[in-house]
Amino acid sequence: MSHFERISVQRAEQLINSEGAIVIDVRDPNTYAQGHIENSIRVDNSNVHSFIESSDKSKPLVVVCYHGNSSQQAAAVMAQQGFEKSYSMDGGMSEWTLTKPVVMGE
């Protein structure tokens, strides 16, 4: 898969729970600390290369941001970097927090 797919919050939750999807959050540190998906990894320019090198690219990868816009570009980059199943979560954390739990802190 050299492209990504856009998925709903419900589909993202399903991938996390049933397939052990890796979740990366591309929001800024302060916003991430205010609430993020459990076990998600905050990825930015400072750690993206080490994340790509150390990750299992055969696992589904769900990229989240604020509203589902920035995550599309990041998911496309991850697909180009060899992630076999790269997804952008539509609605981002704004949508997730309406019905799903979040973790606070770093």
PDB file of N, CA and C in Angstrom:
ATOM      1  N   MET A   1       0.857  -1.179   0.000  1.00  0.00           N
ATOM      2  CA  MET A   1       0.000   0.000   0.000  1.00  0.00           C
ATOM      3  C   MET A   1       0.894   1.230   0.000  1.00  0.00           C
ATOM      4  N   SER A   2       0.902   1.959  -1.050  1.00  0.00           N
ATOM      5  CA  SER A   2       1.707   3.177  -1.108  1.00  0.00           C
ATOM      6  C   SER A   2       0.827   4.403  -0.912  1.00  0.00           C
ATOM      7  N   HIS A   3      -0.390   4.188  -0.476  1.00  0.00           N
ATOM      8  CA  HIS A   3      -1.293   5.292  -0.191  1.00  0.00           C
ATOM      9  C   HIS A   3      -1.917   5.052   1.179  1.00  0.00           C
ATOM     10  N   PHE A   4      -2.699   5.996   1.643  1.00  0.00           N
ATOM     11  CA  PHE A   4      -3.374   5.855   2.924  1.00  0.00           C
ATOM     12  C   PHE A   4      -4.872   5.853   2.701  1.00  0.00           C
ATOM     13  N   GLU A   5      -5.589   5.464   3.756  1.00  0.00           N
ATOM     14  CA  GLU A   5      -7.043   5.511   3.718  1.00  0.00           C
ATOM     15  C   GLU A   5      -7.550   6.405   4.834  1.00  0.00           C
ATOM     16  N   ARG A   6      -8.640   7.088   4.580  1.00  0.00           N
ATOM     17  CA  ARG A   6      -9.319   7.853   5.618  1.00  0.00           C
ATOM     18  C   ARG A   6     -10.329   6.934   6.283  1.00  0.00           C
ATOM     19  N   ILE A   7     -10.340   6.952   7.619  1.00  0.00           N
ATOM     20  CA  ILE A   7     -11.257   6.079   8.357  1.00  0.00           C
ATOM     21  C   ILE A   7     -11.979   6.866   9.443  1.00  0.00           C
ATOM     22  N   SER A   8     -13.079   6.306   9.898  1.00  0.00           N
ATOM     23  CA  SER A   8     -13.879   6.918  10.968  1.00  0.00           C
ATOM     24  C   SER A   8     -13.249   6.616  12.329  1.00  0.00           C
ATOM     25  N   VAL A   9     -13.714   7.328  13.327  1.00  0.00           N
ATOM     26  CA  VAL A   9     -13.292   7.074  14.702  1.00  0.00           C
ATOM     27  C   VAL A   9     -13.627   5.630  15.091  1.00  0.00           C
ATOM     28  N   GLN A  10     -14.797   5.171  14.690  1.00  0.00           N
ATOM     29  CA  GLN A  10     -15.206   3.808  15.027  1.00  0.00           C
ATOM     30  C   GLN A  10     -14.267   2.772  14.402  1.00  0.00           C
ATOM     31  N   ARG A  11     -13.890   2.981  13.161  1.00  0.00           N
ATOM     32  CA  ARG A  11     -12.968   2.059  12.483  1.00  0.00           C
ATOM     33  C   ARG A  11     -11.591   2.129  13.131  1.00  0.00           C
ATOM     34  N   ALA A  12     -11.154   3.311  13.520  1.00  0.00           N
ATOM     35  CA  ALA A  12      -9.866   3.453  14.205  1.00  0.00           C
ATOM     36  C   ALA A  12      -9.879   2.665  15.508  1.00  0.00           C
ATOM     37  N   GLU A  13     -10.948   2.808  16.273  1.00  0.00           N
ATOM     38  CA  GLU A  13     -11.060   2.074  17.540  1.00  0.00           C
ATOM     39  C   GLU A  13     -11.033   0.566  17.294  1.00  0.00           C
ATOM     40  N   GLN A  14     -11.700   0.131  16.244  1.00  0.00           N
ATOM     41  CA  GLN A  14     -11.710  -1.291  15.897  1.00  0.00           C
ATOM     42  C   GLN A  14     -10.291  -1.777  15.562  1.00  0.00           C
ATOM     43  N   LEU A  15      -9.554  -1.009  14.776  1.00  0.00           N
ATOM     44  CA  LEU A  15      -8.181  -1.387  14.424  1.00  0.00           C
ATOM     45  C   LEU A  15      -7.282  -1.436  15.654  1.00  0.00           C
ATOM     46  N   ILE A  16      -7.478  -0.500  16.570  1.00  0.00           N
ATOM     47  CA  ILE A  16      -6.692  -0.466  17.799  1.00  0.00           C
ATOM     48  C   ILE A  16      -6.990  -1.698  18.643  1.00  0.00           C
ATOM     49  N   ASN A  17      -8.267  -1.987  18.835  1.00  0.00           N
ATOM     50  CA  ASN A  17      -8.665  -3.069  19.727  1.00  0.00           C
ATOM     51  C   ASN A  17      -8.489  -4.459  19.139  1.00  0.00           C
ATOM     52  N   SER A  18      -8.735  -4.620  17.849  1.00  0.00           N
ATOM     53  CA  SER A  18      -8.702  -5.969  17.271  1.00  0.00           C
ATOM     54  C   SER A  18      -7.399  -6.303  16.554  1.00  0.00           C
ATOM     55  N   GLU A  19      -6.693  -5.284  16.048  1.00  0.00           N
ATOM     56  CA  GLU A  19      -5.481  -5.564  15.277  1.00  0.00           C
ATOM     57  C   GLU A  19      -4.223  -4.951  15.888  1.00  0.00           C
ATOM     58  N   GLY A  20      -4.364  -4.342  17.058  1.00  0.00           N
ATOM     59  CA  GLY A  20      -3.209  -3.752  17.715  1.00  0.00           C
ATOM     60  C   GLY A  20      -2.556  -2.637  16.924  1.00  0.00           C
ATOM     61  N   ALA A  21      -3.373  -1.818  16.282  1.00  0.00           N
ATOM     62  CA  ALA A  21      -2.846  -0.720  15.471  1.00  0.00           C
ATOM     63  C   ALA A  21      -1.965   0.202  16.301  1.00  0.00           C
ATOM     64  N   ILE A  22      -0.929   0.700  15.666  1.00  0.00           N
ATOM     65  CA  ILE A  22      -0.085   1.730  16.246  1.00  0.00           C
ATOM     66  C   ILE A  22      -0.803   3.058  16.014  1.00  0.00           C
ATOM     67  N   VAL A  23      -0.877   3.887  17.045  1.00  0.00           N
ATOM     68  CA  VAL A  23      -1.516   5.196  16.905  1.00  0.00           C
ATOM     69  C   VAL A  23      -0.453   6.266  17.112  1.00  0.00           C
ATOM     70  N   ILE A  24      -0.325   7.144  16.116  1.00  0.00           N
ATOM     71  CA  ILE A  24       0.561   8.291  16.296  1.00  0.00           C
ATOM     72  C   ILE A  24      -0.263   9.563  16.280  1.00  0.00           C
ATOM     73  N   ASP A  25       0.136  10.495  17.114  1.00  0.00           N
ATOM     74  CA  ASP A  25      -0.553  11.762  17.291  1.00  0.00           C
ATOM     75  C   ASP A  25       0.407  12.854  16.837  1.00  0.00           C
ATOM     76  N   VAL A  26       0.000  13.655  15.871  1.00  0.00           N
ATOM     77  CA  VAL A  26       0.891  14.671  15.311  1.00  0.00           C
ATOM     78  C   VAL A  26       0.586  16.085  15.837  1.00  0.00           C
ATOM     79  N   ARG A  27      -0.163  16.164  16.929  1.00  0.00           N
ATOM     80  CA  ARG A  27      -0.461  17.480  17.514  1.00  0.00           C
ATOM     81  C   ARG A  27       0.720  17.966  18.353  1.00  0.00           C
ATOM     82  N   ASP A  28       0.659  19.223  18.768  1.00  0.00           N
ATOM     83  CA  ASP A  28       1.736  19.805  19.563  1.00  0.00           C
ATOM     84  C   ASP A  28       1.769  19.191  20.973  1.00  0.00           C
ATOM     85  N   PRO A  29       2.904  19.300  21.679  1.00  0.00           N
ATOM     86  CA  PRO A  29       3.051  18.665  22.990  1.00  0.00           C
ATOM     87  C   PRO A  29       2.000  19.079  24.017  1.00  0.00           C
ATOM     88  N   ASN A  30       1.657  20.361  24.075  1.00  0.00           N
ATOM     89  CA  ASN A  30       0.693  20.822  25.074  1.00  0.00           C
ATOM     90  C   ASN A  30      -0.689  20.245  24.831  1.00  0.00           C
ATOM     91  N   THR A  31      -1.118  20.243  23.599  1.00  0.00           N
ATOM     92  CA  THR A  31      -2.438  19.703  23.274  1.00  0.00           C
ATOM     93  C   THR A  31      -2.470  18.199  23.506  1.00  0.00           C
ATOM     94  N   TYR A  32      -1.402  17.521  23.138  1.00  0.00           N
ATOM     95  CA  TYR A  32      -1.291  16.070  23.386  1.00  0.00           C
ATOM     96  C   TYR A  32      -1.433  15.786  24.878  1.00  0.00           C
ATOM     97  N   ALA A  33      -0.768  16.580  25.718  1.00  0.00           N
ATOM     98  CA  ALA A  33      -0.807  16.385  27.166  1.00  0.00           C
ATOM     99  C   ALA A  33      -2.206  16.611  27.739  1.00  0.00           C
ATOM    100  N   GLN A  34      -3.022  17.421  27.062  1.00  0.00           N
ATOM    101  CA  GLN A  34      -4.378  17.702  27.539  1.00  0.00           C
ATOM    102  C   GLN A  34      -5.342  16.554  27.259  1.00  0.00           C
ATOM    103  N   GLY A  35      -4.937  15.601  26.443  1.00  0.00           N
ATOM    104  CA  GLY A  35      -5.777  14.437  26.179  1.00  0.00           C
ATOM    105  C   GLY A  35      -5.405  13.760  24.882  1.00  0.00           C
ATOM    106  N   HIS A  36      -5.104  12.463  24.968  1.00  0.00           N
ATOM    107  CA  HIS A  36      -4.734  11.695  23.783  1.00  0.00           C
ATOM    108  C   HIS A  36      -5.239  10.266  23.915  1.00  0.00           C
ATOM    109  N   ILE A  37      -5.189   9.534  22.834  1.00  0.00           N
ATOM    110  CA  ILE A  37      -5.612   8.138  22.823  1.00  0.00           C
ATOM    111  C   ILE A  37      -4.592   7.312  23.605  1.00  0.00           C
ATOM    112  N   GLU A  38      -5.082   6.427  24.434  1.00  0.00           N
ATOM    113  CA  GLU A  38      -4.209   5.582  25.248  1.00  0.00           C
ATOM    114  C   GLU A  38      -3.193   4.853  24.364  1.00  0.00           C
ATOM    115  N   ASN A  39      -1.946   4.859  24.802  1.00  0.00           N
ATOM    116  CA  ASN A  39      -0.818   4.205  24.123  1.00  0.00           C
ATOM    117  C   ASN A  39      -0.422   4.865  22.806  1.00  0.00           C
ATOM    118  N   SER A  40      -0.983   6.030  22.503  1.00  0.00           N
ATOM    119  CA  SER A  40      -0.561   6.716  21.278  1.00  0.00           C
ATOM    120  C   SER A  40       0.837   7.292  21.481  1.00  0.00           C
ATOM    121  N   ILE A  41       1.505   7.519  20.370  1.00  0.00           N
ATOM    122  CA  ILE A  41       2.861   8.048  20.372  1.00  0.00           C
ATOM    123  C   ILE A  41       2.823   9.408  19.694  1.00  0.00           C
ATOM    124  N   ARG A  42       3.322  10.430  20.392  1.00  0.00           N
ATOM    125  CA  ARG A  42       3.379  11.754  19.771  1.00  0.00           C
ATOM    126  C   ARG A  42       4.593  11.795  18.858  1.00  0.00           C
ATOM    127  N   VAL A  43       4.350  12.112  17.599  1.00  0.00           N
ATOM    128  CA  VAL A  43       5.417  12.130  16.600  1.00  0.00           C
ATOM    129  C   VAL A  43       5.496  13.529  15.990  1.00  0.00           C
ATOM    130  N   ASP A  44       6.703  14.061  15.920  1.00  0.00           N
ATOM    131  CA  ASP A  44       6.928  15.339  15.254  1.00  0.00           C
ATOM    132  C   ASP A  44       8.262  15.260  14.513  1.00  0.00           C
ATOM    133  N   ASN A  45       8.720  16.374  14.005  1.00  0.00           N
ATOM    134  CA  ASN A  45       9.957  16.374  13.220  1.00  0.00           C
ATOM    135  C   ASN A  45      11.165  15.867  13.995  1.00  0.00           C
ATOM    136  N   SER A  46      11.151  16.013  15.312  1.00  0.00           N
ATOM    137  CA  SER A  46      12.312  15.614  16.106  1.00  0.00           C
ATOM    138  C   SER A  46      12.440  14.102  16.278  1.00  0.00           C
ATOM    139  N   ASN A  47      11.339  13.364  16.164  1.00  0.00           N
ATOM    140  CA  ASN A  47      11.417  11.916  16.394  1.00  0.00           C
ATOM    141  C   ASN A  47      10.835  11.061  15.273  1.00  0.00           C
ATOM    142  N   VAL A  48      10.419  11.674  14.183  1.00  0.00           N
ATOM    143  CA  VAL A  48       9.763  10.912  13.115  1.00  0.00           C
ATOM    144  C   VAL A  48      10.697   9.870  12.495  1.00  0.00           C
ATOM    145  N   HIS A  49      11.962  10.214  12.304  1.00  0.00           N
ATOM    146  CA  HIS A  49      12.878   9.264  11.671  1.00  0.00           C
ATOM    147  C   HIS A  49      13.115   8.046  12.551  1.00  0.00           C
ATOM    148  N   SER A  50      13.319   8.259  13.848  1.00  0.00           N
ATOM    149  CA  SER A  50      13.517   7.111  14.747  1.00  0.00           C
ATOM    150  C   SER A  50      12.245   6.282  14.852  1.00  0.00           C
ATOM    151  N   PHE A  51      11.073   6.943  14.831  1.00  0.00           N
ATOM    152  CA  PHE A  51       9.814   6.204  14.857  1.00  0.00           C
ATOM    153  C   PHE A  51       9.705   5.306  13.631  1.00  0.00           C
ATOM    154  N   ILE A  52       9.977   5.849  12.461  1.00  0.00           N
ATOM    155  CA  ILE A  52       9.875   5.071  11.223  1.00  0.00           C
ATOM    156  C   ILE A  52      10.841   3.890  11.256  1.00  0.00           C
ATOM    157  N   GLU A  53      12.065   4.127  11.684  1.00  0.00           N
ATOM    158  CA  GLU A  53      13.083   3.067  11.709  1.00  0.00           C
ATOM    159  C   GLU A  53      12.753   1.957  12.691  1.00  0.00           C
ATOM    160  N   SER A  54      12.123   2.293  13.812  1.00  0.00           N
ATOM    161  CA  SER A  54      11.911   1.302  14.874  1.00  0.00           C
ATOM    162  C   SER A  54      10.535   0.646  14.854  1.00  0.00           C
ATOM    163  N   SER A  55       9.661   1.039  13.954  1.00  0.00           N
ATOM    164  CA  SER A  55       8.283   0.532  13.959  1.00  0.00           C
ATOM    165  C   SER A  55       8.099  -0.690  13.076  1.00  0.00           C
ATOM    166  N   ASP A  56       7.133  -1.508  13.463  1.00  0.00           N
ATOM    167  CA  ASP A  56       6.720  -2.665  12.675  1.00  0.00           C
ATOM    168  C   ASP A  56       5.783  -2.154  11.578  1.00  0.00           C
ATOM    169  N   LYS A  57       6.279  -2.087  10.374  1.00  0.00           N
ATOM    170  CA  LYS A  57       5.516  -1.502   9.273  1.00  0.00           C
ATOM    171  C   LYS A  57       4.393  -2.403   8.755  1.00  0.00           C
ATOM    172  N   SER A  58       4.316  -3.631   9.270  1.00  0.00           N
ATOM    173  CA  SER A  58       3.226  -4.513   8.858  1.00  0.00           C
ATOM    174  C   SER A  58       1.972  -4.304   9.713  1.00  0.00           C
ATOM    175  N   LYS A  59       2.118  -3.624  10.851  1.00  0.00           N
ATOM    176  CA  LYS A  59       0.960  -3.344  11.712  1.00  0.00           C
ATOM    177  C   LYS A  59       0.197  -2.148  11.161  1.00  0.00           C
ATOM    178  N   PRO A  60      -1.120  -2.121  11.357  1.00  0.00           N
ATOM    179  CA  PRO A  60      -1.882  -0.946  10.946  1.00  0.00           C
ATOM    180  C   PRO A  60      -1.386   0.291  11.701  1.00  0.00           C
ATOM    181  N   LEU A  61      -1.356   1.413  11.027  1.00  0.00           N
ATOM    182  CA  LEU A  61      -0.921   2.677  11.615  1.00  0.00           C
ATOM    183  C   LEU A  61      -2.045   3.687  11.473  1.00  0.00           C
ATOM    184  N   VAL A  62      -2.513   4.213  12.602  1.00  0.00           N
ATOM    185  CA  VAL A  62      -3.569   5.220  12.608  1.00  0.00           C
ATOM    186  C   VAL A  62      -2.943   6.550  13.016  1.00  0.00           C
ATOM    187  N   VAL A  63      -3.093   7.560  12.159  1.00  0.00           N
ATOM    188  CA  VAL A  63      -2.547   8.884  12.424  1.00  0.00           C
ATOM    189  C   VAL A  63      -3.691   9.801  12.837  1.00  0.00           C
ATOM    190  N   VAL A  64      -3.490  10.508  13.965  1.00  0.00           N
ATOM    191  CA  VAL A  64      -4.514  11.439  14.450  1.00  0.00           C
ATOM    192  C   VAL A  64      -3.917  12.828  14.621  1.00  0.00           C
ATOM    193  N   CYS A  65      -4.783  13.822  14.481  1.00  0.00           N
ATOM    194  CA  CYS A  65      -4.395  15.224  14.679  1.00  0.00           C
ATOM    195  C   CYS A  65      -5.576  15.920  15.352  1.00  0.00           C
ATOM    196  N   TYR A  66      -5.718  17.210  15.139  1.00  0.00           N
ATOM    197  CA  TYR A  66      -6.803  17.977  15.754  1.00  0.00           C
ATOM    198  C   TYR A  66      -8.169  17.630  15.153  1.00  0.00           C
ATOM    199  N   HIS A  67      -8.275  17.768  13.816  1.00  0.00           N
ATOM    200  CA  HIS A  67      -9.572  17.616  13.153  1.00  0.00           C
ATOM    201  C   HIS A  67      -9.567  16.633  11.987  1.00  0.00           C
ATOM    202  N   GLY A  68      -8.436  16.015  11.704  1.00  0.00           N
ATOM    203  CA  GLY A  68      -8.361  15.059  10.608  1.00  0.00           C
ATOM    204  C   GLY A  68      -7.783  15.606   9.326  1.00  0.00           C
ATOM    205  N   ASN A  69      -7.188  16.789   9.367  1.00  0.00           N
ATOM    206  CA  ASN A  69      -6.594  17.367   8.163  1.00  0.00           C
ATOM    207  C   ASN A  69      -5.093  17.092   8.081  1.00  0.00           C
ATOM    208  N   SER A  70      -4.346  17.492   9.097  1.00  0.00           N
ATOM    209  CA  SER A  70      -2.896  17.272   9.104  1.00  0.00           C
ATOM    210  C   SER A  70      -2.554  15.785   9.086  1.00  0.00           C
ATOM    211  N   SER A  71      -3.413  14.983   9.659  1.00  0.00           N
ATOM    212  CA  SER A  71      -3.151  13.540   9.709  1.00  0.00           C
ATOM    213  C   SER A  71      -3.154  12.916   8.318  1.00  0.00           C
ATOM    214  N   GLN A  72      -3.851  13.515   7.377  1.00  0.00           N
ATOM    215  CA  GLN A  72      -3.865  12.966   6.017  1.00  0.00           C
ATOM    216  C   GLN A  72      -2.485  13.052   5.383  1.00  0.00           C
ATOM    217  N   GLN A  73      -1.845  14.198   5.517  1.00  0.00           N
ATOM    218  CA  GLN A  73      -0.504  14.356   4.958  1.00  0.00           C
ATOM    219  C   GLN A  73       0.476  13.414   5.666  1.00  0.00           C
ATOM    220  N   ALA A  74       0.383  13.330   6.989  1.00  0.00           N
ATOM    221  CA  ALA A  74       1.280  12.454   7.740  1.00  0.00           C
ATOM    222  C   ALA A  74       1.053  10.986   7.373  1.00  0.00           C
ATOM    223  N   ALA A  75      -0.197  10.585   7.207  1.00  0.00           N
ATOM    224  CA  ALA A  75      -0.500   9.199   6.827  1.00  0.00           C
ATOM    225  C   ALA A  75       0.047   8.886   5.441  1.00  0.00           C
ATOM    226  N   ALA A  76      -0.010   9.862   4.540  1.00  0.00           N
ATOM    227  CA  ALA A  76       0.545   9.677   3.193  1.00  0.00           C
ATOM    228  C   ALA A  76       2.051   9.485   3.261  1.00  0.00           C
ATOM    229  N   VAL A  77       2.725  10.287   4.072  1.00  0.00           N
ATOM    230  CA  VAL A  77       4.176  10.150   4.241  1.00  0.00           C
ATOM    231  C   VAL A  77       4.516   8.779   4.822  1.00  0.00           C
ATOM    232  N   MET A  78       3.761   8.344   5.809  1.00  0.00           N
ATOM    233  CA  MET A  78       4.023   7.037   6.431  1.00  0.00           C
ATOM    234  C   MET A  78       3.826   5.898   5.422  1.00  0.00           C
ATOM    235  N   ALA A  79       2.835   6.024   4.577  1.00  0.00           N
ATOM    236  CA  ALA A  79       2.631   5.011   3.530  1.00  0.00           C
ATOM    237  C   ALA A  79       3.830   4.987   2.587  1.00  0.00           C
ATOM    238  N   GLN A  80       4.337   6.159   2.234  1.00  0.00           N
ATOM    239  CA  GLN A  80       5.507   6.242   1.362  1.00  0.00           C
ATOM    240  C   GLN A  80       6.752   5.673   2.038  1.00  0.00           C
ATOM    241  N   GLN A  81       6.767   5.701   3.362  1.00  0.00           N
ATOM    242  CA  GLN A  81       7.911   5.186   4.113  1.00  0.00           C
ATOM    243  C   GLN A  81       7.811   3.685   4.381  1.00  0.00           C
ATOM    244  N   GLY A  82       6.795   3.047   3.825  1.00  0.00           N
ATOM    245  CA  GLY A  82       6.718   1.596   3.900  1.00  0.00           C
ATOM    246  C   GLY A  82       5.674   1.008   4.820  1.00  0.00           C
ATOM    247  N   PHE A  83       4.886   1.843   5.493  1.00  0.00           N
ATOM    248  CA  PHE A  83       3.817   1.294   6.327  1.00  0.00           C
ATOM    249  C   PHE A  83       2.757   0.702   5.400  1.00  0.00           C
ATOM    250  N   GLU A  84       2.470  -0.582   5.606  1.00  0.00           N
ATOM    251  CA  GLU A  84       1.585  -1.318   4.694  1.00  0.00           C
ATOM    252  C   GLU A  84       0.129  -0.892   4.805  1.00  0.00           C
ATOM    253  N   LYS A  85      -0.296  -0.481   6.008  1.00  0.00           N
ATOM    254  CA  LYS A  85      -1.685  -0.079   6.244  1.00  0.00           C
ATOM    255  C   LYS A  85      -1.671   1.240   7.006  1.00  0.00           C
ATOM    256  N   SER A  86      -1.705   2.340   6.282  1.00  0.00           N
ATOM    257  CA  SER A  86      -1.632   3.667   6.882  1.00  0.00           C
ATOM    258  C   SER A  86      -2.999   4.333   6.783  1.00  0.00           C
ATOM    259  N   TYR A  87      -3.478   4.855   7.921  1.00  0.00           N
ATOM    260  CA  TYR A  87      -4.817   5.430   7.985  1.00  0.00           C
ATOM    261  C   TYR A  87      -4.797   6.816   8.623  1.00  0.00           C
ATOM    262  N   SER A  88      -5.651   7.691   8.148  1.00  0.00           N
ATOM    263  CA  SER A  88      -5.884   8.996   8.751  1.00  0.00           C
ATOM    264  C   SER A  88      -7.276   8.965   9.367  1.00  0.00           C
ATOM    265  N   MET A  89      -7.377   9.336  10.645  1.00  0.00           N
ATOM    266  CA  MET A  89      -8.665   9.297  11.332  1.00  0.00           C
ATOM    267  C   MET A  89      -9.440  10.587  11.076  1.00  0.00           C
ATOM    268  N   ASP A  90     -10.539  10.475  10.357  1.00  0.00           N
ATOM    269  CA  ASP A  90     -11.406  11.620  10.078  1.00  0.00           C
ATOM    270  C   ASP A  90     -11.952  12.200  11.384  1.00  0.00           C
ATOM    271  N   GLY A  91     -11.987  13.516  11.452  1.00  0.00           N
ATOM    272  CA  GLY A  91     -12.515  14.184  12.639  1.00  0.00           C
ATOM    273  C   GLY A  91     -11.482  14.403  13.726  1.00  0.00           C
ATOM    274  N   GLY A  92     -10.379  13.682  13.658  1.00  0.00           N
ATOM    275  CA  GLY A  92      -9.289  13.842  14.614  1.00  0.00           C
ATOM    276  C   GLY A  92      -9.727  13.674  16.061  1.00  0.00           C
ATOM    277  N   MET A  93      -8.923  14.247  16.938  1.00  0.00           N
ATOM    278  CA  MET A  93      -9.215  14.136  18.363  1.00  0.00           C
ATOM    279  C   MET A  93     -10.479  14.896  18.741  1.00  0.00           C
ATOM    280  N   SER A  94     -10.850  15.892  17.953  1.00  0.00           N
ATOM    281  CA  SER A  94     -12.113  16.594  18.216  1.00  0.00           C
ATOM    282  C   SER A  94     -13.278  15.616  18.168  1.00  0.00           C
ATOM    283  N   GLU A  95     -13.264  14.728  17.201  1.00  0.00           N
ATOM    284  CA  GLU A  95     -14.318  13.722  17.052  1.00  0.00           C
ATOM    285  C   GLU A  95     -14.167  12.613  18.102  1.00  0.00           C
ATOM    286  N   TRP A  96     -12.942  12.146  18.314  1.00  0.00           N
ATOM    287  CA  TRP A  96     -12.687  11.046  19.256  1.00  0.00           C
ATOM    288  C   TRP A  96     -13.201  11.405  20.655  1.00  0.00           C
ATOM    289  N   THR A  97     -12.901  12.616  21.113  1.00  0.00           N
ATOM    290  CA  THR A  97     -13.241  13.000  22.490  1.00  0.00           C
ATOM    291  C   THR A  97     -14.740  13.116  22.738  1.00  0.00           C
ATOM    292  N   LEU A  98     -15.538  13.137  21.694  1.00  0.00           N
ATOM    293  CA  LEU A  98     -16.988  13.207  21.874  1.00  0.00           C
ATOM    294  C   LEU A  98     -17.548  11.924  22.477  1.00  0.00           C
ATOM    295  N   THR A  99     -16.920  10.793  22.170  1.00  0.00           N
ATOM    296  CA  THR A  99     -17.488   9.511  22.623  1.00  0.00           C
ATOM    297  C   THR A  99     -16.478   8.541  23.211  1.00  0.00           C
ATOM    298  N   LYS A 100     -15.192   8.832  23.117  1.00  0.00           N
ATOM    299  CA  LYS A 100     -14.159   7.889  23.546  1.00  0.00           C
ATOM    300  C   LYS A 100     -13.305   8.485  24.652  1.00  0.00           C
ATOM    301  N   PRO A 101     -12.720   7.620  25.494  1.00  0.00           N
ATOM    302  CA  PRO A 101     -11.873   8.120  26.576  1.00  0.00           C
ATOM    303  C   PRO A 101     -10.514   8.621  26.067  1.00  0.00           C
ATOM    304  N   VAL A 102      -9.926   9.512  26.843  1.00  0.00           N
ATOM    305  CA  VAL A 102      -8.584  10.012  26.543  1.00  0.00           C
ATOM    306  C   VAL A 102      -7.718   9.876  27.792  1.00  0.00           C
ATOM    307  N   VAL A 103      -6.419   9.915  27.584  1.00  0.00           N
ATOM    308  CA  VAL A 103      -5.443   9.875  28.658  1.00  0.00           C
ATOM    309  C   VAL A 103      -4.844  11.270  28.768  1.00  0.00           C
ATOM    310  N   MET A 104      -4.662  11.746  29.981  1.00  0.00           N
ATOM    311  CA  MET A 104      -4.073  13.069  30.200  1.00  0.00           C
ATOM    312  C   MET A 104      -2.587  12.909  30.541  1.00  0.00           C
ATOM    313  N   GLY A 105      -1.804  13.950  30.248  1.00  0.00           N
ATOM    314  CA  GLY A 105      -0.382  13.948  30.584  1.00  0.00           C
ATOM    315  C   GLY A 105       0.475  13.536  29.414  1.00  0.00           C
ATOM    316  N   GLU A 106       1.748  13.472  29.674  1.00  0.00           N
ATOM    317  CA  GLU A 106       2.731  13.152  28.618  1.00  0.00           C
ATOM    318  C   GLU A 106       2.635  11.727  28.176  1.00  0.00           C
TER     319      GLU A 106
END
